[in-house]
Amino acid sequence: MNEKSMTGLSWFKSSFSGEQGACVEVADARAMSSAVFIRDSKDQDGEVLSFRPAAFAAFVNDVRAGGYDS
């Protein structure tokens, strides 16, 4: 997707992120481009990462299962 087409995306943060500002925002664009986009919530005009939905779902499942807990 180009930058202009990304302006219509709905971005959201996890309800666990709080107000610290150290979080990311996610936009589900599967209906438009078969992708899930991620950006830094402190730099909304900065770089945007793109992931295939299956890869992002696997990551979320790993996080929920505690796979990245230290």
N, C-alpha and C. Protein backbone atom coordinates (compact mmCIF):
# COMPACT_ATOMS: atom_id res chain seq x y z
N MET A 1 0.85 -1.18 0.00
CA MET A 1 0.00 0.00 0.00
C MET A 1 0.88 1.23 0.00
N ASN A 2 0.44 2.26 -0.66
CA ASN A 2 1.20 3.50 -0.62
C ASN A 2 0.73 4.37 0.55
N GLU A 3 1.49 5.42 0.82
CA GLU A 3 1.22 6.26 1.99
C GLU A 3 -0.17 6.89 1.93
N LYS A 4 -0.61 7.31 0.77
CA LYS A 4 -1.91 7.96 0.65
C LYS A 4 -3.04 6.99 1.00
N SER A 5 -2.96 5.75 0.56
CA SER A 5 -4.03 4.79 0.84
C SER A 5 -4.03 4.35 2.30
N MET A 6 -2.94 4.57 3.02
CA MET A 6 -2.89 4.19 4.43
C MET A 6 -3.58 5.20 5.33
N THR A 7 -3.89 6.37 4.84
CA THR A 7 -4.51 7.38 5.68
C THR A 7 -5.91 6.99 6.12
N GLY A 8 -6.57 6.10 5.40
CA GLY A 8 -7.92 5.68 5.77
C GLY A 8 -7.98 4.51 6.73
N LEU A 9 -6.84 4.02 7.17
CA LEU A 9 -6.82 2.87 8.07
C LEU A 9 -7.24 3.25 9.48
N SER A 10 -7.85 2.31 10.18
CA SER A 10 -8.21 2.51 11.58
C SER A 10 -7.13 1.87 12.45
N TRP A 11 -6.41 2.69 13.17
CA TRP A 11 -5.33 2.23 14.02
C TRP A 11 -5.83 2.07 15.44
N PHE A 12 -5.32 1.06 16.15
CA PHE A 12 -5.71 0.88 17.55
C PHE A 12 -4.52 0.37 18.36
N LYS A 13 -4.60 0.63 19.67
CA LYS A 13 -3.58 0.16 20.63
C LYS A 13 -4.24 -0.86 21.54
N SER A 14 -3.43 -1.71 22.11
CA SER A 14 -3.90 -2.66 23.10
C SER A 14 -4.43 -1.91 24.31
N SER A 15 -5.45 -2.44 24.93
CA SER A 15 -5.98 -1.84 26.16
C SER A 15 -4.98 -1.97 27.30
N PHE A 16 -3.97 -2.82 27.15
CA PHE A 16 -2.93 -3.00 28.16
C PHE A 16 -1.80 -1.97 28.04
N SER A 17 -1.81 -1.17 26.99
CA SER A 17 -0.68 -0.28 26.74
C SER A 17 -0.61 0.90 27.70
N GLY A 18 -1.70 1.32 28.26
CA GLY A 18 -1.69 2.43 29.20
C GLY A 18 -1.32 3.73 28.52
N GLU A 19 -0.81 4.67 29.29
CA GLU A 19 -0.48 5.99 28.77
C GLU A 19 1.03 6.28 28.75
N GLN A 20 1.86 5.27 28.93
CA GLN A 20 3.31 5.48 28.96
C GLN A 20 3.84 5.93 27.60
N GLY A 21 3.19 5.58 26.54
CA GLY A 21 3.65 5.95 25.22
C GLY A 21 4.61 4.95 24.59
N ALA A 22 4.99 3.92 25.31
CA ALA A 22 5.92 2.92 24.78
C ALA A 22 5.14 1.75 24.19
N CYS A 23 4.40 2.03 23.14
CA CYS A 23 3.58 0.97 22.57
C CYS A 23 3.50 1.12 21.05
N VAL A 24 2.88 0.15 20.45
CA VAL A 24 2.67 0.17 19.01
C VAL A 24 1.17 0.23 18.72
N GLU A 25 0.86 0.63 17.51
CA GLU A 25 -0.52 0.64 17.04
C GLU A 25 -0.63 -0.33 15.89
N VAL A 26 -1.79 -0.93 15.75
CA VAL A 26 -2.03 -1.94 14.72
C VAL A 26 -3.20 -1.50 13.85
N ALA A 27 -3.09 -1.74 12.55
CA ALA A 27 -4.19 -1.52 11.62
C ALA A 27 -4.38 -2.80 10.82
N ASP A 28 -5.58 -3.31 10.86
CA ASP A 28 -5.90 -4.53 10.10
C ASP A 28 -6.41 -4.11 8.73
N ALA A 29 -5.61 -4.34 7.71
CA ALA A 29 -5.96 -3.92 6.35
C ALA A 29 -6.19 -5.12 5.44
N ARG A 30 -6.59 -6.25 6.02
CA ARG A 30 -6.76 -7.46 5.20
C ARG A 30 -7.77 -7.27 4.09
N ALA A 31 -8.80 -6.47 4.30
CA ALA A 31 -9.80 -6.26 3.25
C ALA A 31 -9.24 -5.47 2.08
N MET A 32 -8.19 -4.66 2.33
CA MET A 32 -7.63 -3.81 1.28
C MET A 32 -6.35 -4.36 0.69
N SER A 33 -5.54 -5.06 1.50
CA SER A 33 -4.22 -5.43 0.99
C SER A 33 -3.69 -6.75 1.54
N SER A 34 -4.48 -7.51 2.23
CA SER A 34 -4.02 -8.76 2.82
C SER A 34 -2.82 -8.55 3.73
N ALA A 35 -2.89 -7.52 4.58
CA ALA A 35 -1.77 -7.23 5.48
C ALA A 35 -2.27 -6.68 6.80
N VAL A 36 -1.41 -6.79 7.79
CA VAL A 36 -1.59 -6.14 9.09
C VAL A 36 -0.42 -5.18 9.23
N PHE A 37 -0.71 -3.92 9.56
CA PHE A 37 0.31 -2.90 9.67
C PHE A 37 0.57 -2.54 11.13
N ILE A 38 1.82 -2.21 11.44
CA ILE A 38 2.22 -1.84 12.80
C ILE A 38 3.05 -0.57 12.72
N ARG A 39 2.79 0.35 13.67
CA ARG A 39 3.59 1.58 13.74
C ARG A 39 3.83 1.95 15.20
N ASP A 40 4.82 2.79 15.41
CA ASP A 40 5.14 3.30 16.74
C ASP A 40 4.11 4.37 17.10
N SER A 41 3.46 4.23 18.25
CA SER A 41 2.42 5.18 18.62
C SER A 41 2.98 6.58 18.88
N LYS A 42 4.28 6.70 19.20
CA LYS A 42 4.90 8.00 19.42
C LYS A 42 5.30 8.68 18.11
N ASP A 43 5.36 7.93 17.02
CA ASP A 43 5.80 8.47 15.73
C ASP A 43 4.83 8.00 14.65
N GLN A 44 3.63 8.54 14.68
CA GLN A 44 2.58 8.07 13.78
C GLN A 44 2.85 8.38 12.32
N ASP A 45 3.77 9.28 12.04
CA ASP A 45 4.13 9.58 10.65
C ASP A 45 5.41 8.86 10.23
N GLY A 46 5.93 8.03 11.12
CA GLY A 46 7.17 7.31 10.84
C GLY A 46 6.94 6.04 10.03
N GLU A 47 7.91 5.17 10.10
CA GLU A 47 7.88 3.91 9.35
C GLU A 47 6.72 3.04 9.80
N VAL A 48 6.19 2.27 8.86
CA VAL A 48 5.12 1.32 9.12
C VAL A 48 5.60 -0.05 8.67
N LEU A 49 5.45 -1.03 9.55
CA LEU A 49 5.82 -2.41 9.21
C LEU A 49 4.59 -3.14 8.72
N SER A 50 4.78 -4.05 7.78
CA SER A 50 3.70 -4.82 7.19
C SER A 50 3.95 -6.30 7.42
N PHE A 51 2.92 -7.01 7.87
CA PHE A 51 3.02 -8.44 8.13
C PHE A 51 1.87 -9.19 7.46
N ARG A 52 2.15 -10.40 7.03
CA ARG A 52 1.06 -11.26 6.55
C ARG A 52 0.18 -11.59 7.75
N PRO A 53 -1.13 -11.66 7.56
CA PRO A 53 -2.03 -11.93 8.70
C PRO A 53 -1.68 -13.19 9.47
N ALA A 54 -1.30 -14.26 8.80
CA ALA A 54 -0.96 -15.51 9.50
C ALA A 54 0.27 -15.33 10.38
N ALA A 55 1.26 -14.60 9.91
CA ALA A 55 2.47 -14.37 10.70
C ALA A 55 2.15 -13.51 11.92
N PHE A 56 1.33 -12.49 11.75
CA PHE A 56 0.97 -11.64 12.88
C PHE A 56 0.13 -12.41 13.90
N ALA A 57 -0.80 -13.24 13.42
CA ALA A 57 -1.63 -14.04 14.33
C ALA A 57 -0.76 -15.01 15.14
N ALA A 58 0.25 -15.60 14.51
CA ALA A 58 1.14 -16.51 15.22
C ALA A 58 1.92 -15.76 16.30
N PHE A 59 2.37 -14.55 15.99
CA PHE A 59 3.08 -13.72 16.97
C PHE A 59 2.17 -13.40 18.16
N VAL A 60 0.95 -12.96 17.89
CA VAL A 60 0.01 -12.62 18.96
C VAL A 60 -0.27 -13.84 19.83
N ASN A 61 -0.46 -14.99 19.22
CA ASN A 61 -0.70 -16.22 19.98
C ASN A 61 0.50 -16.56 20.88
N ASP A 62 1.71 -16.38 20.36
CA ASP A 62 2.91 -16.62 21.17
C ASP A 62 3.00 -15.66 22.35
N VAL A 63 2.65 -14.39 22.12
CA VAL A 63 2.66 -13.42 23.21
C VAL A 63 1.65 -13.81 24.28
N ARG A 64 0.45 -14.15 23.85
CA ARG A 64 -0.59 -14.53 24.81
C ARG A 64 -0.21 -15.77 25.61
N ALA A 65 0.55 -16.65 24.99
CA ALA A 65 0.97 -17.88 25.67
C ALA A 65 2.20 -17.66 26.57
N GLY A 66 2.71 -16.43 26.61
CA GLY A 66 3.86 -16.13 27.45
C GLY A 66 5.19 -16.45 26.80
N GLY A 67 5.20 -16.64 25.50
CA GLY A 67 6.41 -17.02 24.80
C GLY A 67 7.53 -16.01 24.84
N TYR A 68 7.25 -14.77 25.21
CA TYR A 68 8.29 -13.73 25.24
C TYR A 68 8.49 -13.17 26.64
N ASP A 69 7.90 -13.81 27.64
CA ASP A 69 8.09 -13.36 29.02
C ASP A 69 9.51 -13.67 29.46
N SER A 70 10.06 -12.78 30.22
CA SER A 70 11.43 -13.03 30.69
C SER A 70 11.45 -13.57 32.10
